[in-house]
Amino acid sequence: MNNRIRTQKKVYTPTTSAPEPECYLCRIIETGECMIVHRSSIKRIYDDTAEIMVYDRRIEATIEYRGTRDECRRVWEKKEEGQKSNNVDEANDSE
């Protein structure tokens, strides 16, 4: 006979009902630089700020968008286009 105590297997249930996004569009607080960060590089999330790993360093960044890589890229391109058009408008106004 076997004297081991039998325990029932625990069924895994996620703590959050909504799935985590695949990627995040983040703006680094120190430099103001934007980058797309994969979920595995995010160490902690506090509301709209996150602690991310970049080149083996922990850096704080603000989260600007959450979604797939393609969605983050589209949002980033729209922001860059908006900034370029604002810069052109300011240059035309100053002339």
N, C-alpha and C. Protein backbone atom coordinates (compact mmCIF):
# COMPACT_ATOMS: atom_id res chain seq x y z
N MET A 1 0.83 -1.19 0.00
CA MET A 1 0.00 0.00 0.00
C MET A 1 0.87 1.24 0.00
N ASN A 2 0.29 2.29 -0.54
CA ASN A 2 1.00 3.56 -0.63
C ASN A 2 0.51 4.49 0.48
N ASN A 3 1.43 5.06 1.25
CA ASN A 3 1.06 5.92 2.37
C ASN A 3 1.03 7.41 2.02
N ARG A 4 1.18 7.73 0.76
CA ARG A 4 1.17 9.14 0.37
C ARG A 4 -0.22 9.73 0.48
N ILE A 5 -0.26 11.02 0.82
CA ILE A 5 -1.54 11.73 0.88
C ILE A 5 -1.87 12.20 -0.53
N ARG A 6 -3.06 11.92 -0.95
CA ARG A 6 -3.47 12.34 -2.29
C ARG A 6 -4.12 13.72 -2.21
N THR A 7 -3.63 14.62 -3.04
CA THR A 7 -4.22 15.97 -3.10
C THR A 7 -4.82 16.15 -4.48
N GLN A 8 -5.90 16.88 -4.51
CA GLN A 8 -6.56 17.12 -5.78
C GLN A 8 -5.82 18.20 -6.55
N LYS A 9 -5.75 18.04 -7.85
CA LYS A 9 -5.06 18.99 -8.72
C LYS A 9 -5.78 20.33 -8.70
N LYS A 10 -5.00 21.43 -8.59
CA LYS A 10 -5.58 22.77 -8.60
C LYS A 10 -5.77 23.24 -10.03
N VAL A 11 -6.94 23.74 -10.33
CA VAL A 11 -7.24 24.24 -11.66
C VAL A 11 -6.85 25.71 -11.71
N TYR A 12 -6.06 26.07 -12.72
CA TYR A 12 -5.60 27.45 -12.87
C TYR A 12 -6.73 28.32 -13.38
N THR A 13 -6.96 29.43 -12.71
CA THR A 13 -7.91 30.43 -13.18
C THR A 13 -7.20 31.78 -13.16
N PRO A 14 -7.20 32.50 -14.25
CA PRO A 14 -6.53 33.79 -14.26
C PRO A 14 -7.20 34.79 -13.33
N THR A 15 -6.41 35.69 -12.76
CA THR A 15 -6.97 36.66 -11.82
C THR A 15 -7.67 37.81 -12.54
N THR A 16 -7.28 38.08 -13.77
CA THR A 16 -7.94 39.14 -14.53
C THR A 16 -8.84 38.52 -15.59
N SER A 17 -10.00 39.12 -15.78
CA SER A 17 -10.94 38.56 -16.75
C SER A 17 -10.55 38.93 -18.18
N ALA A 18 -9.97 40.12 -18.37
CA ALA A 18 -9.59 40.56 -19.71
C ALA A 18 -8.15 40.12 -20.00
N PRO A 19 -7.89 39.67 -21.22
CA PRO A 19 -6.52 39.26 -21.54
C PRO A 19 -5.59 40.47 -21.60
N GLU A 20 -4.33 40.25 -21.25
CA GLU A 20 -3.33 41.32 -21.30
C GLU A 20 -3.02 41.66 -22.76
N PRO A 21 -2.77 42.93 -23.07
CA PRO A 21 -2.40 43.28 -24.44
C PRO A 21 -1.02 42.72 -24.79
N GLU A 22 -0.79 42.51 -26.09
CA GLU A 22 0.47 41.94 -26.55
C GLU A 22 1.61 42.94 -26.45
N CYS A 23 1.35 44.19 -26.84
CA CYS A 23 2.38 45.22 -26.87
C CYS A 23 1.86 46.52 -26.27
N TYR A 24 2.80 47.38 -25.90
CA TYR A 24 2.48 48.69 -25.34
C TYR A 24 3.28 49.75 -26.09
N LEU A 25 2.64 50.88 -26.40
CA LEU A 25 3.35 52.03 -26.93
C LEU A 25 3.70 52.89 -25.73
N CYS A 26 4.99 53.03 -25.45
CA CYS A 26 5.44 53.74 -24.25
C CYS A 26 6.30 54.93 -24.61
N ARG A 27 6.23 55.97 -23.77
CA ARG A 27 7.11 57.13 -23.89
C ARG A 27 7.99 57.14 -22.65
N ILE A 28 9.31 57.06 -22.86
CA ILE A 28 10.25 57.03 -21.74
C ILE A 28 10.26 58.40 -21.08
N ILE A 29 10.12 58.42 -19.76
CA ILE A 29 9.99 59.67 -19.02
C ILE A 29 11.27 60.48 -19.08
N GLU A 30 12.44 59.83 -18.96
CA GLU A 30 13.72 60.54 -18.93
C GLU A 30 14.03 61.25 -20.24
N THR A 31 13.80 60.57 -21.38
CA THR A 31 14.23 61.11 -22.67
C THR A 31 13.08 61.61 -23.55
N GLY A 32 11.86 61.18 -23.28
CA GLY A 32 10.73 61.56 -24.13
C GLY A 32 10.63 60.72 -25.39
N GLU A 33 11.47 59.71 -25.52
CA GLU A 33 11.50 58.84 -26.69
C GLU A 33 10.35 57.84 -26.64
N CYS A 34 9.72 57.57 -27.79
CA CYS A 34 8.65 56.58 -27.88
C CYS A 34 9.21 55.24 -28.33
N MET A 35 8.63 54.17 -27.82
CA MET A 35 9.01 52.84 -28.29
C MET A 35 7.87 51.86 -28.04
N ILE A 36 7.84 50.81 -28.86
CA ILE A 36 6.86 49.75 -28.70
C ILE A 36 7.52 48.66 -27.87
N VAL A 37 6.87 48.29 -26.77
CA VAL A 37 7.44 47.34 -25.82
C VAL A 37 6.54 46.11 -25.76
N HIS A 38 7.14 44.93 -25.87
CA HIS A 38 6.38 43.68 -25.76
C HIS A 38 6.02 43.43 -24.30
N ARG A 39 4.95 42.70 -24.08
CA ARG A 39 4.45 42.42 -22.74
C ARG A 39 5.52 41.80 -21.83
N SER A 40 6.41 40.99 -22.39
CA SER A 40 7.43 40.32 -21.57
C SER A 40 8.48 41.28 -21.04
N SER A 41 8.61 42.47 -21.65
CA SER A 41 9.59 43.46 -21.18
C SER A 41 9.02 44.38 -20.11
N ILE A 42 7.72 44.29 -19.85
CA ILE A 42 7.09 45.11 -18.82
C ILE A 42 7.25 44.39 -17.48
N LYS A 43 7.82 45.06 -16.50
CA LYS A 43 8.02 44.45 -15.19
C LYS A 43 6.90 44.81 -14.22
N ARG A 44 6.48 46.06 -14.20
CA ARG A 44 5.39 46.50 -13.32
C ARG A 44 4.57 47.55 -14.04
N ILE A 45 3.27 47.59 -13.72
CA ILE A 45 2.38 48.61 -14.29
C ILE A 45 1.67 49.30 -13.14
N TYR A 46 1.75 50.64 -13.12
CA TYR A 46 1.03 51.47 -12.15
C TYR A 46 0.15 52.42 -12.94
N ASP A 47 -1.13 52.16 -13.03
CA ASP A 47 -2.08 52.98 -13.79
C ASP A 47 -1.57 53.20 -15.21
N ASP A 48 -1.09 54.41 -15.53
CA ASP A 48 -0.61 54.71 -16.89
C ASP A 48 0.91 54.78 -16.98
N THR A 49 1.62 54.36 -15.95
CA THR A 49 3.08 54.30 -16.02
C THR A 49 3.51 52.86 -15.84
N ALA A 50 4.67 52.55 -16.41
CA ALA A 50 5.17 51.18 -16.34
C ALA A 50 6.68 51.19 -16.11
N GLU A 51 7.15 50.12 -15.53
CA GLU A 51 8.57 49.90 -15.36
C GLU A 51 8.96 48.88 -16.42
N ILE A 52 9.82 49.28 -17.36
CA ILE A 52 10.16 48.40 -18.48
C ILE A 52 11.65 48.09 -18.46
N MET A 53 12.02 47.01 -19.13
CA MET A 53 13.42 46.63 -19.26
C MET A 53 13.89 46.99 -20.66
N VAL A 54 14.90 47.88 -20.73
CA VAL A 54 15.50 48.27 -22.00
C VAL A 54 17.01 48.14 -21.84
N TYR A 55 17.62 47.29 -22.66
CA TYR A 55 19.07 47.06 -22.58
C TYR A 55 19.50 46.72 -21.16
N ASP A 56 18.79 45.80 -20.52
CA ASP A 56 19.08 45.32 -19.17
C ASP A 56 19.02 46.41 -18.10
N ARG A 57 18.29 47.48 -18.35
CA ARG A 57 18.09 48.54 -17.36
C ARG A 57 16.60 48.72 -17.14
N ARG A 58 16.20 48.96 -15.89
CA ARG A 58 14.80 49.26 -15.59
C ARG A 58 14.58 50.75 -15.80
N ILE A 59 13.59 51.07 -16.63
CA ILE A 59 13.30 52.46 -16.97
C ILE A 59 11.81 52.71 -16.77
N GLU A 60 11.45 53.88 -16.27
CA GLU A 60 10.04 54.23 -16.11
C GLU A 60 9.55 54.90 -17.39
N ALA A 61 8.33 54.54 -17.79
CA ALA A 61 7.74 55.09 -19.00
C ALA A 61 6.24 55.25 -18.81
N THR A 62 5.66 56.17 -19.58
CA THR A 62 4.20 56.32 -19.56
C THR A 62 3.62 55.49 -20.70
N ILE A 63 2.52 54.83 -20.43
CA ILE A 63 1.86 54.00 -21.45
C ILE A 63 0.90 54.89 -22.23
N GLU A 64 1.10 54.96 -23.54
CA GLU A 64 0.25 55.79 -24.38
C GLU A 64 -0.80 54.97 -25.13
N TYR A 65 -0.52 53.68 -25.38
CA TYR A 65 -1.50 52.84 -26.07
C TYR A 65 -1.22 51.38 -25.73
N ARG A 66 -2.27 50.57 -25.67
CA ARG A 66 -2.15 49.13 -25.41
C ARG A 66 -2.86 48.39 -26.53
N GLY A 67 -2.22 47.36 -27.08
CA GLY A 67 -2.85 46.57 -28.14
C GLY A 67 -1.84 45.67 -28.82
N THR A 68 -2.15 45.30 -30.07
CA THR A 68 -1.22 44.47 -30.83
C THR A 68 -0.09 45.34 -31.36
N ARG A 69 0.94 44.69 -31.87
CA ARG A 69 2.10 45.43 -32.40
C ARG A 69 1.68 46.34 -33.57
N ASP A 70 0.83 45.82 -34.46
CA ASP A 70 0.38 46.61 -35.60
C ASP A 70 -0.44 47.83 -35.16
N GLU A 71 -1.31 47.64 -34.17
CA GLU A 71 -2.10 48.77 -33.67
C GLU A 71 -1.20 49.83 -33.05
N CYS A 72 -0.22 49.40 -32.27
CA CYS A 72 0.72 50.35 -31.65
C CYS A 72 1.50 51.11 -32.72
N ARG A 73 1.91 50.41 -33.77
CA ARG A 73 2.67 51.05 -34.85
C ARG A 73 1.80 52.11 -35.55
N ARG A 74 0.52 51.78 -35.81
CA ARG A 74 -0.38 52.74 -36.46
C ARG A 74 -0.57 53.99 -35.60
N VAL A 75 -0.78 53.81 -34.30
CA VAL A 75 -0.96 54.95 -33.40
C VAL A 75 0.29 55.81 -33.37
N TRP A 76 1.46 55.16 -33.33
CA TRP A 76 2.74 55.88 -33.30
C TRP A 76 2.92 56.71 -34.58
N GLU A 77 2.60 56.10 -35.75
CA GLU A 77 2.73 56.81 -37.02
C GLU A 77 1.78 58.01 -37.07
N LYS A 78 0.55 57.86 -36.57
CA LYS A 78 -0.40 58.98 -36.55
C LYS A 78 0.12 60.11 -35.68
N LYS A 79 0.72 59.78 -34.53
CA LYS A 79 1.26 60.81 -33.64
C LYS A 79 2.42 61.54 -34.31
N GLU A 80 3.29 60.80 -35.01
CA GLU A 80 4.42 61.43 -35.70
C GLU A 80 3.93 62.34 -36.82
N GLU A 81 2.91 61.90 -37.58
CA GLU A 81 2.36 62.74 -38.65
C GLU A 81 1.76 64.01 -38.07
N GLY A 82 1.07 63.90 -36.95
CA GLY A 82 0.49 65.07 -36.29
C GLY A 82 1.55 66.04 -35.83
N GLN A 83 2.66 65.54 -35.30
CA GLN A 83 3.74 66.40 -34.85
C GLN A 83 4.41 67.09 -36.03
N LYS A 84 4.59 66.36 -37.14
CA LYS A 84 5.23 66.95 -38.32
C LYS A 84 4.36 68.06 -38.90
N SER A 85 3.04 67.83 -38.97
CA SER A 85 2.15 68.86 -39.52
C SER A 85 2.12 70.08 -38.61
N ASN A 86 2.19 69.89 -37.28
CA ASN A 86 2.24 71.02 -36.36
C ASN A 86 3.52 71.81 -36.54
N ASN A 87 4.64 71.13 -36.77
CA ASN A 87 5.91 71.81 -36.98
C ASN A 87 5.88 72.61 -38.28
N VAL A 88 5.26 72.08 -39.33
CA VAL A 88 5.16 72.79 -40.61
C VAL A 88 4.26 74.01 -40.45
N ASP A 89 3.14 73.87 -39.73
CA ASP A 89 2.24 75.00 -39.49
C ASP A 89 2.94 76.10 -38.72
N GLU A 90 3.71 75.74 -37.70
CA GLU A 90 4.43 76.74 -36.91
C GLU A 90 5.47 77.46 -37.76
N ALA A 91 6.13 76.73 -38.66
CA ALA A 91 7.14 77.34 -39.53
C ALA A 91 6.46 78.32 -40.50
N ASN A 92 5.29 77.96 -41.02
CA ASN A 92 4.57 78.85 -41.94
C ASN A 92 4.04 80.08 -41.22
N ASP A 93 3.61 79.93 -39.97
CA ASP A 93 3.10 81.06 -39.20
C ASP A 93 4.20 82.06 -38.87
N SER A 94 5.41 81.58 -38.67
CA SER A 94 6.50 82.48 -38.28
C SER A 94 7.02 83.29 -39.46
N GLU A 95 6.73 82.88 -40.69
CA GLU A 95 7.22 83.60 -41.88
C GLU A 95 6.42 84.81 -42.20
